[in-house]
């Protein structure tokens, strides 16, 4: 797997460039994971563990709502303490 995953870090930084003029937030983590999946897909579909990819996608989708709920909770708690 080292030869398959080697291109991922080298493509993370240049891939961010085209998105900067539009002001779009692009995560190097998302790019690196997507690159590894893309290289695995180019090698063969069997090289990708779709359960792991599904878990990664679900974790990306739930991160923002859970972060928002936690931020609201801590904000209201601290506001109540210091007000």
PDB file of N, CA and C in Angstrom:
ATOM      1  N   UNK A   1       0.807  -1.209   0.000  1.00  0.00           N
ATOM      2  CA  UNK A   1       0.000   0.000   0.000  1.00  0.00           C
ATOM      3  C   UNK A   1       0.848   1.269   0.000  1.00  0.00           C
ATOM      4  N   UNK A   2       2.132   1.258   0.449  1.00  0.00           N
ATOM      5  CA  UNK A   2       2.895   2.504   0.444  1.00  0.00           C
ATOM      6  C   UNK A   2       3.010   3.133  -0.944  1.00  0.00           C
ATOM      7  N   UNK A   3       3.182   2.330  -1.981  1.00  0.00           N
ATOM      8  CA  UNK A   3       3.291   2.899  -3.321  1.00  0.00           C
ATOM      9  C   UNK A   3       1.972   3.493  -3.789  1.00  0.00           C
ATOM     10  N   UNK A   4       0.866   2.919  -3.368  1.00  0.00           N
ATOM     11  CA  UNK A   4      -0.440   3.435  -3.766  1.00  0.00           C
ATOM     12  C   UNK A   4      -0.745   4.735  -3.042  1.00  0.00           C
ATOM     13  N   UNK A   5      -0.396   4.829  -1.770  1.00  0.00           N
ATOM     14  CA  UNK A   5      -0.756   6.010  -0.987  1.00  0.00           C
ATOM     15  C   UNK A   5       0.266   7.141  -1.098  1.00  0.00           C
ATOM     16  N   UNK A   6       1.387   6.917  -1.735  1.00  0.00           N
ATOM     17  CA  UNK A   6       2.425   7.950  -1.832  1.00  0.00           C
ATOM     18  C   UNK A   6       1.972   9.213  -2.566  1.00  0.00           C
ATOM     19  N   UNK A   7       1.185   9.157  -3.635  1.00  0.00           N
ATOM     20  CA  UNK A   7       0.786  10.389  -4.328  1.00  0.00           C
ATOM     21  C   UNK A   7      -0.136  11.294  -3.516  1.00  0.00           C
ATOM     22  N   UNK A   8      -0.775  10.791  -2.492  1.00  0.00           N
ATOM     23  CA  UNK A   8      -1.760  11.588  -1.748  1.00  0.00           C
ATOM     24  C   UNK A   8      -1.185  12.867  -1.152  1.00  0.00           C
ATOM     25  N   UNK A   9      -0.085  12.813  -0.400  1.00  0.00           N
ATOM     26  CA  UNK A   9       0.427  14.077   0.162  1.00  0.00           C
ATOM     27  C   UNK A   9       0.887  15.061  -0.902  1.00  0.00           C
ATOM     28  N   UNK A  10       1.420  14.556  -1.998  1.00  0.00           N
ATOM     29  CA  UNK A  10       1.930  15.460  -3.031  1.00  0.00           C
ATOM     30  C   UNK A  10       0.817  16.162  -3.792  1.00  0.00           C
ATOM     31  N   UNK A  11      -0.393  15.634  -3.767  1.00  0.00           N
ATOM     32  CA  UNK A  11      -1.485  16.291  -4.489  1.00  0.00           C
ATOM     33  C   UNK A  11      -2.335  17.164  -3.577  1.00  0.00           C
ATOM     34  N   UNK A  12      -2.154  17.095  -2.275  1.00  0.00           N
ATOM     35  CA  UNK A  12      -2.989  17.875  -1.356  1.00  0.00           C
ATOM     36  C   UNK A  12      -2.790  19.371  -1.517  1.00  0.00           C
ATOM     37  N   UNK A  13      -1.554  19.812  -1.505  1.00  0.00           N
ATOM     38  CA  UNK A  13      -1.290  21.250  -1.560  1.00  0.00           C
ATOM     39  C   UNK A  13      -1.660  21.870  -2.899  1.00  0.00           C
ATOM     40  N   UNK A  14      -1.252  21.308  -4.039  1.00  0.00           N
ATOM     41  CA  UNK A  14      -1.643  21.929  -5.310  1.00  0.00           C
ATOM     42  C   UNK A  14      -3.153  21.925  -5.540  1.00  0.00           C
ATOM     43  N   UNK A  15      -3.856  20.967  -4.980  1.00  0.00           N
ATOM     44  CA  UNK A  15      -5.307  20.898  -5.180  1.00  0.00           C
ATOM     45  C   UNK A  15      -6.035  22.024  -4.471  1.00  0.00           C
ATOM     46  N   UNK A  16      -5.426  22.597  -3.465  1.00  0.00           N
ATOM     47  CA  UNK A  16      -6.072  23.698  -2.746  1.00  0.00           C
ATOM     48  C   UNK A  16      -6.033  24.985  -3.550  1.00  0.00           C
ATOM     49  N   UNK A  17      -5.033  25.139  -4.407  1.00  0.00           N
ATOM     50  CA  UNK A  17      -4.833  26.376  -5.152  1.00  0.00           C
ATOM     51  C   UNK A  17      -6.029  26.860  -5.955  1.00  0.00           C
ATOM     52  N   UNK A  18      -6.655  26.017  -6.774  1.00  0.00           N
ATOM     53  CA  UNK A  18      -7.770  26.493  -7.605  1.00  0.00           C
ATOM     54  C   UNK A  18      -8.971  26.987  -6.804  1.00  0.00           C
ATOM     55  N   UNK A  19      -9.097  26.578  -5.565  1.00  0.00           N
ATOM     56  CA  UNK A  19     -10.264  26.958  -4.774  1.00  0.00           C
ATOM     57  C   UNK A  19     -10.066  28.270  -4.019  1.00  0.00           C
ATOM     58  N   UNK A  20      -8.856  28.734  -3.912  1.00  0.00           N
ATOM     59  CA  UNK A  20      -8.586  29.960  -3.150  1.00  0.00           C
ATOM     60  C   UNK A  20      -9.211  31.211  -3.757  1.00  0.00           C
ATOM     61  N   UNK A  21      -9.152  31.434  -5.069  1.00  0.00           N
ATOM     62  CA  UNK A  21      -9.748  32.671  -5.599  1.00  0.00           C
ATOM     63  C   UNK A  21     -11.246  32.791  -5.308  1.00  0.00           C
ATOM     64  N   UNK A  22     -11.946  31.667  -5.244  1.00  0.00           N
ATOM     65  CA  UNK A  22     -13.377  31.694  -4.947  1.00  0.00           C
ATOM     66  C   UNK A  22     -13.638  31.837  -3.457  1.00  0.00           C
ATOM     67  N   UNK A  23     -12.623  31.735  -2.634  1.00  0.00           N
ATOM     68  CA  UNK A  23     -12.792  31.841  -1.192  1.00  0.00           C
ATOM     69  C   UNK A  23     -13.422  30.606  -0.572  1.00  0.00           C
ATOM     70  N   UNK A  24     -13.357  29.476  -1.265  1.00  0.00           N
ATOM     71  CA  UNK A  24     -13.960  28.248  -0.756  1.00  0.00           C
ATOM     72  C   UNK A  24     -13.048  27.598   0.285  1.00  0.00           C
ATOM     73  N   UNK A  25     -13.620  27.146   1.402  1.00  0.00           N
ATOM     74  CA  UNK A  25     -12.797  26.448   2.390  1.00  0.00           C
ATOM     75  C   UNK A  25     -12.521  25.020   1.929  1.00  0.00           C
ATOM     76  N   UNK A  26     -11.265  24.683   1.801  1.00  0.00           N
ATOM     77  CA  UNK A  26     -10.888  23.351   1.348  1.00  0.00           C
ATOM     78  C   UNK A  26      -9.914  22.772   2.367  1.00  0.00           C
ATOM     79  N   UNK A  27     -10.235  21.596   2.871  1.00  0.00           N
ATOM     80  CA  UNK A  27      -9.410  20.947   3.879  1.00  0.00           C
ATOM     81  C   UNK A  27      -8.394  20.023   3.218  1.00  0.00           C
ATOM     82  N   UNK A  28      -7.138  20.139   3.629  1.00  0.00           N
ATOM     83  CA  UNK A  28      -6.124  19.232   3.093  1.00  0.00           C
ATOM     84  C   UNK A  28      -6.392  17.796   3.537  1.00  0.00           C
ATOM     85  N   UNK A  29      -7.054  17.625   4.669  1.00  0.00           N
ATOM     86  CA  UNK A  29      -7.416  16.277   5.113  1.00  0.00           C
ATOM     87  C   UNK A  29      -8.406  15.646   4.147  1.00  0.00           C
ATOM     88  N   UNK A  30      -9.424  16.410   3.738  1.00  0.00           N
ATOM     89  CA  UNK A  30     -10.397  15.892   2.781  1.00  0.00           C
ATOM     90  C   UNK A  30      -9.722  15.571   1.448  1.00  0.00           C
ATOM     91  N   UNK A  31      -8.812  16.437   1.024  1.00  0.00           N
ATOM     92  CA  UNK A  31      -8.117  16.207  -0.240  1.00  0.00           C
ATOM     93  C   UNK A  31      -7.247  14.958  -0.152  1.00  0.00           C
ATOM     94  N   UNK A  32      -6.521  14.792   0.956  1.00  0.00           N
ATOM     95  CA  UNK A  32      -5.632  13.639   1.100  1.00  0.00           C
ATOM     96  C   UNK A  32      -6.414  12.330   1.133  1.00  0.00           C
ATOM     97  N   UNK A  33      -7.509  12.298   1.890  1.00  0.00           N
ATOM     98  CA  UNK A  33      -8.327  11.080   1.953  1.00  0.00           C
ATOM     99  C   UNK A  33      -8.931  10.790   0.585  1.00  0.00           C
ATOM    100  N   UNK A  34      -9.433  11.824  -0.073  1.00  0.00           N
ATOM    101  CA  UNK A  34     -10.011  11.642  -1.406  1.00  0.00           C
ATOM    102  C   UNK A  34      -8.959  11.164  -2.400  1.00  0.00           C
ATOM    103  N   UNK A  35      -7.728  11.651  -2.256  1.00  0.00           N
ATOM    104  CA  UNK A  35      -6.652  11.215  -3.146  1.00  0.00           C
ATOM    105  C   UNK A  35      -6.331   9.743  -2.946  1.00  0.00           C
ATOM    106  N   UNK A  36      -6.276   9.311  -1.695  1.00  0.00           N
ATOM    107  CA  UNK A  36      -5.996   7.899  -1.421  1.00  0.00           C
ATOM    108  C   UNK A  36      -7.104   7.022  -1.990  1.00  0.00           C
ATOM    109  N   UNK A  37      -8.364   7.438  -1.804  1.00  0.00           N
ATOM    110  CA  UNK A  37      -9.489   6.673  -2.357  1.00  0.00           C
ATOM    111  C   UNK A  37      -9.423   6.681  -3.881  1.00  0.00           C
ATOM    112  N   UNK A  38      -9.098   7.835  -4.468  1.00  0.00           N
ATOM    113  CA  UNK A  38      -9.006   7.931  -5.926  1.00  0.00           C
ATOM    114  C   UNK A  38      -7.917   7.055  -6.501  1.00  0.00           C
ATOM    115  N   UNK A  39      -6.765   7.029  -5.847  1.00  0.00           N
ATOM    116  CA  UNK A  39      -5.671   6.180  -6.315  1.00  0.00           C
ATOM    117  C   UNK A  39      -6.055   4.710  -6.164  1.00  0.00           C
ATOM    118  N   UNK A  40      -6.699   4.371  -5.059  1.00  0.00           N
ATOM    119  CA  UNK A  40      -7.164   2.993  -4.887  1.00  0.00           C
ATOM    120  C   UNK A  40      -8.188   2.607  -5.932  1.00  0.00           C
ATOM    121  N   UNK A  41      -9.095   3.542  -6.255  1.00  0.00           N
ATOM    122  CA  UNK A  41     -10.108   3.294  -7.284  1.00  0.00           C
ATOM    123  C   UNK A  41      -9.453   3.122  -8.651  1.00  0.00           C
ATOM    124  N   UNK A  42      -8.423   3.908  -8.937  1.00  0.00           N
ATOM    125  CA  UNK A  42      -7.717   3.782 -10.213  1.00  0.00           C
ATOM    126  C   UNK A  42      -6.999   2.441 -10.303  1.00  0.00           C
ATOM    127  N   UNK A  43      -6.538   1.947  -9.155  1.00  0.00           N
ATOM    128  CA  UNK A  43      -5.850   0.654  -9.132  1.00  0.00           C
ATOM    129  C   UNK A  43      -6.853  -0.461  -9.369  1.00  0.00           C
ATOM    130  N   UNK A  44      -7.894  -0.525  -8.555  1.00  0.00           N
ATOM    131  CA  UNK A  44      -9.013  -1.459  -8.729  1.00  0.00           C
ATOM    132  C   UNK A  44     -10.042  -1.168  -7.651  1.00  0.00           C
ATOM    133  N   UNK A  45     -11.293  -1.433  -7.955  1.00  0.00           N
ATOM    134  CA  UNK A  45     -12.356  -1.171  -6.987  1.00  0.00           C
ATOM    135  C   UNK A  45     -12.183  -2.035  -5.743  1.00  0.00           C
ATOM    136  N   UNK A  46     -11.603  -3.195  -5.895  1.00  0.00           N
ATOM    137  CA  UNK A  46     -11.363  -4.079  -4.761  1.00  0.00           C
ATOM    138  C   UNK A  46     -10.308  -3.560  -3.800  1.00  0.00           C
ATOM    139  N   UNK A  47      -9.518  -2.579  -4.244  1.00  0.00           N
ATOM    140  CA  UNK A  47      -8.478  -2.015  -3.381  1.00  0.00           C
ATOM    141  C   UNK A  47      -9.048  -1.053  -2.353  1.00  0.00           C
ATOM    142  N   UNK A  48     -10.334  -0.717  -2.481  1.00  0.00           N
ATOM    143  CA  UNK A  48     -10.967   0.245  -1.581  1.00  0.00           C
ATOM    144  C   UNK A  48     -11.891  -0.498  -0.626  1.00  0.00           C
ATOM    145  N   UNK A  49     -11.751  -0.229   0.658  1.00  0.00           N
ATOM    146  CA  UNK A  49     -12.676  -0.770   1.653  1.00  0.00           C
ATOM    147  C   UNK A  49     -13.831   0.217   1.775  1.00  0.00           C
ATOM    148  N   UNK A  50     -14.943  -0.097   1.129  1.00  0.00           N
ATOM    149  CA  UNK A  50     -16.067   0.833   1.067  1.00  0.00           C
ATOM    150  C   UNK A  50     -16.683   1.096   2.436  1.00  0.00           C
ATOM    151  N   UNK A  51     -16.555   0.167   3.370  1.00  0.00           N
ATOM    152  CA  UNK A  51     -17.053   0.422   4.731  1.00  0.00           C
ATOM    153  C   UNK A  51     -16.261   1.541   5.393  1.00  0.00           C
ATOM    154  N   UNK A  52     -14.958   1.531   5.199  1.00  0.00           N
ATOM    155  CA  UNK A  52     -14.118   2.588   5.769  1.00  0.00           C
ATOM    156  C   UNK A  52     -14.440   3.926   5.108  1.00  0.00           C
ATOM    157  N   UNK A  53     -14.587   3.929   3.789  1.00  0.00           N
ATOM    158  CA  UNK A  53     -14.938   5.164   3.076  1.00  0.00           C
ATOM    159  C   UNK A  53     -16.290   5.679   3.562  1.00  0.00           C
ATOM    160  N   UNK A  54     -17.254   4.798   3.749  1.00  0.00           N
ATOM    161  CA  UNK A  54     -18.563   5.204   4.264  1.00  0.00           C
ATOM    162  C   UNK A  54     -18.471   5.805   5.654  1.00  0.00           C
ATOM    163  N   UNK A  55     -17.654   5.198   6.505  1.00  0.00           N
ATOM    164  CA  UNK A  55     -17.457   5.734   7.854  1.00  0.00           C
ATOM    165  C   UNK A  55     -16.832   7.121   7.806  1.00  0.00           C
ATOM    166  N   UNK A  56     -15.873   7.322   6.927  1.00  0.00           N
ATOM    167  CA  UNK A  56     -15.229   8.633   6.789  1.00  0.00           C
ATOM    168  C   UNK A  56     -16.238   9.672   6.324  1.00  0.00           C
ATOM    169  N   UNK A  57     -17.042   9.342   5.330  1.00  0.00           N
ATOM    170  CA  UNK A  57     -18.037  10.293   4.808  1.00  0.00           C
ATOM    171  C   UNK A  57     -19.062  10.641   5.883  1.00  0.00           C
ATOM    172  N   UNK A  58     -19.542   9.653   6.617  1.00  0.00           N
ATOM    173  CA  UNK A  58     -20.504   9.922   7.691  1.00  0.00           C
ATOM    174  C   UNK A  58     -19.874  10.818   8.751  1.00  0.00           C
ATOM    175  N   UNK A  59     -18.615  10.562   9.091  1.00  0.00           N
ATOM    176  CA  UNK A  59     -17.963  11.414  10.099  1.00  0.00           C
ATOM    177  C   UNK A  59     -17.819  12.843   9.595  1.00  0.00           C
ATOM    178  N   UNK A  60     -17.566  13.035   8.307  1.00  0.00           N
ATOM    179  CA  UNK A  60     -17.508  14.388   7.746  1.00  0.00           C
ATOM    180  C   UNK A  60     -18.868  15.063   7.840  1.00  0.00           C
ATOM    181  N   UNK A  61     -19.931  14.313   7.589  1.00  0.00           N
ATOM    182  CA  UNK A  61     -21.278  14.901   7.583  1.00  0.00           C
ATOM    183  C   UNK A  61     -21.776  15.261   8.980  1.00  0.00           C
ATOM    184  N   UNK A  62     -21.396  14.490   9.991  1.00  0.00           N
ATOM    185  CA  UNK A  62     -21.902  14.766  11.340  1.00  0.00           C
ATOM    186  C   UNK A  62     -21.021  15.737  12.125  1.00  0.00           C
ATOM    187  N   UNK A  63     -19.825  16.023  11.630  1.00  0.00           N
ATOM    188  CA  UNK A  63     -18.917  16.911  12.359  1.00  0.00           C
ATOM    189  C   UNK A  63     -19.502  18.303  12.546  1.00  0.00           C
ATOM    190  N   UNK A  64     -20.025  18.903  11.494  1.00  0.00           N
ATOM    191  CA  UNK A  64     -20.534  20.274  11.588  1.00  0.00           C
ATOM    192  C   UNK A  64     -21.738  20.390  12.522  1.00  0.00           C
ATOM    193  N   UNK A  65     -22.779  19.563  12.388  1.00  0.00           N
ATOM    194  CA  UNK A  65     -23.909  19.694  13.315  1.00  0.00           C
ATOM    195  C   UNK A  65     -23.534  19.425  14.774  1.00  0.00           C
ATOM    196  N   UNK A  66     -22.704  18.426  15.016  1.00  0.00           N
ATOM    197  CA  UNK A  66     -22.311  18.133  16.393  1.00  0.00           C
ATOM    198  C   UNK A  66     -21.470  19.275  16.953  1.00  0.00           C
ATOM    199  N   UNK A  67     -20.579  19.828  16.149  1.00  0.00           N
ATOM    200  CA  UNK A  67     -19.791  20.980  16.585  1.00  0.00           C
ATOM    201  C   UNK A  67     -20.665  22.180  16.905  1.00  0.00           C
ATOM    202  N   UNK A  68     -21.706  22.400  16.089  1.00  0.00           N
ATOM    203  CA  UNK A  68     -22.619  23.519  16.336  1.00  0.00           C
ATOM    204  C   UNK A  68     -23.394  23.322  17.637  1.00  0.00           C
ATOM    205  N   UNK A  69     -23.872  22.113  17.881  1.00  0.00           N
ATOM    206  CA  UNK A  69     -24.615  21.832  19.111  1.00  0.00           C
ATOM    207  C   UNK A  69     -23.708  22.003  20.331  1.00  0.00           C
ATOM    208  N   UNK A  70     -22.493  21.485  20.264  1.00  0.00           N
ATOM    209  CA  UNK A  70     -21.565  21.640  21.385  1.00  0.00           C
ATOM    210  C   UNK A  70     -21.205  23.105  21.622  1.00  0.00           C
ATOM    211  N   UNK A  71     -20.996  23.859  20.548  1.00  0.00           N
ATOM    212  CA  UNK A  71     -20.678  25.282  20.699  1.00  0.00           C
ATOM    213  C   UNK A  71     -21.838  26.033  21.346  1.00  0.00           C
ATOM    214  N   UNK A  72     -23.071  25.740  20.916  1.00  0.00           N
ATOM    215  CA  UNK A  72     -24.240  26.398  21.506  1.00  0.00           C
ATOM    216  C   UNK A  72     -24.375  26.039  22.983  1.00  0.00           C
ATOM    217  N   UNK A  73     -24.143  24.777  23.318  1.00  0.00           N
ATOM    218  CA  UNK A  73     -24.235  24.339  24.706  1.00  0.00           C
ATOM    219  C   UNK A  73     -23.208  25.061  25.577  1.00  0.00           C
ATOM    220  N   UNK A  74     -21.945  25.041  25.154  1.00  0.00           N
ATOM    221  CA  UNK A  74     -20.907  25.685  25.954  1.00  0.00           C
ATOM    222  C   UNK A  74     -21.090  27.194  26.014  1.00  0.00           C
ATOM    223  N   UNK A  75     -21.533  27.796  24.921  1.00  0.00           N
ATOM    224  CA  UNK A  75     -21.775  29.237  24.924  1.00  0.00           C
ATOM    225  C   UNK A  75     -22.860  29.597  25.928  1.00  0.00           C
ATOM    226  N   UNK A  76     -23.985  28.876  25.881  1.00  0.00           N
ATOM    227  CA  UNK A  76     -25.081  29.193  26.799  1.00  0.00           C
ATOM    228  C   UNK A  76     -24.691  28.902  28.248  1.00  0.00           C
ATOM    229  N   UNK A  77     -23.935  27.837  28.475  1.00  0.00           N
ATOM    230  CA  UNK A  77     -23.486  27.518  29.828  1.00  0.00           C
ATOM    231  C   UNK A  77     -22.554  28.601  30.366  1.00  0.00           C
ATOM    232  N   UNK A  78     -21.569  28.980  29.583  1.00  0.00           N
ATOM    233  CA  UNK A  78     -20.623  30.003  30.031  1.00  0.00           C
ATOM    234  C   UNK A  78     -21.281  31.372  30.137  1.00  0.00           C
ATOM    235  N   UNK A  79     -22.224  31.651  29.264  1.00  0.00           N
ATOM    236  CA  UNK A  79     -22.947  32.921  29.342  1.00  0.00           C
ATOM    237  C   UNK A  79     -23.749  32.982  30.641  1.00  0.00           C
ATOM    238  N   UNK A  80     -24.362  31.860  31.027  1.00  0.00           N
ATOM    239  CA  UNK A  80     -25.110  31.800  32.277  1.00  0.00           C
ATOM    240  C   UNK A  80     -24.216  31.952  33.498  1.00  0.00           C
ATOM    241  N   UNK A  81     -23.018  31.407  33.429  1.00  0.00           N
ATOM    242  CA  UNK A  81     -22.092  31.493  34.554  1.00  0.00           C
ATOM    243  C   UNK A  81     -21.552  32.909  34.715  1.00  0.00           C
ATOM    244  N   UNK A  82     -21.183  33.551  33.631  1.00  0.00           N
ATOM    245  CA  UNK A  82     -20.509  34.849  33.702  1.00  0.00           C
ATOM    246  C   UNK A  82     -21.440  36.048  33.542  1.00  0.00           C
ATOM    247  N   UNK A  83     -22.735  35.820  33.396  1.00  0.00           N
ATOM    248  CA  UNK A  83     -23.668  36.954  33.265  1.00  0.00           C
ATOM    249  C   UNK A  83     -24.377  37.234  34.565  1.00  0.00           C
TER     250      UNK A  83
END
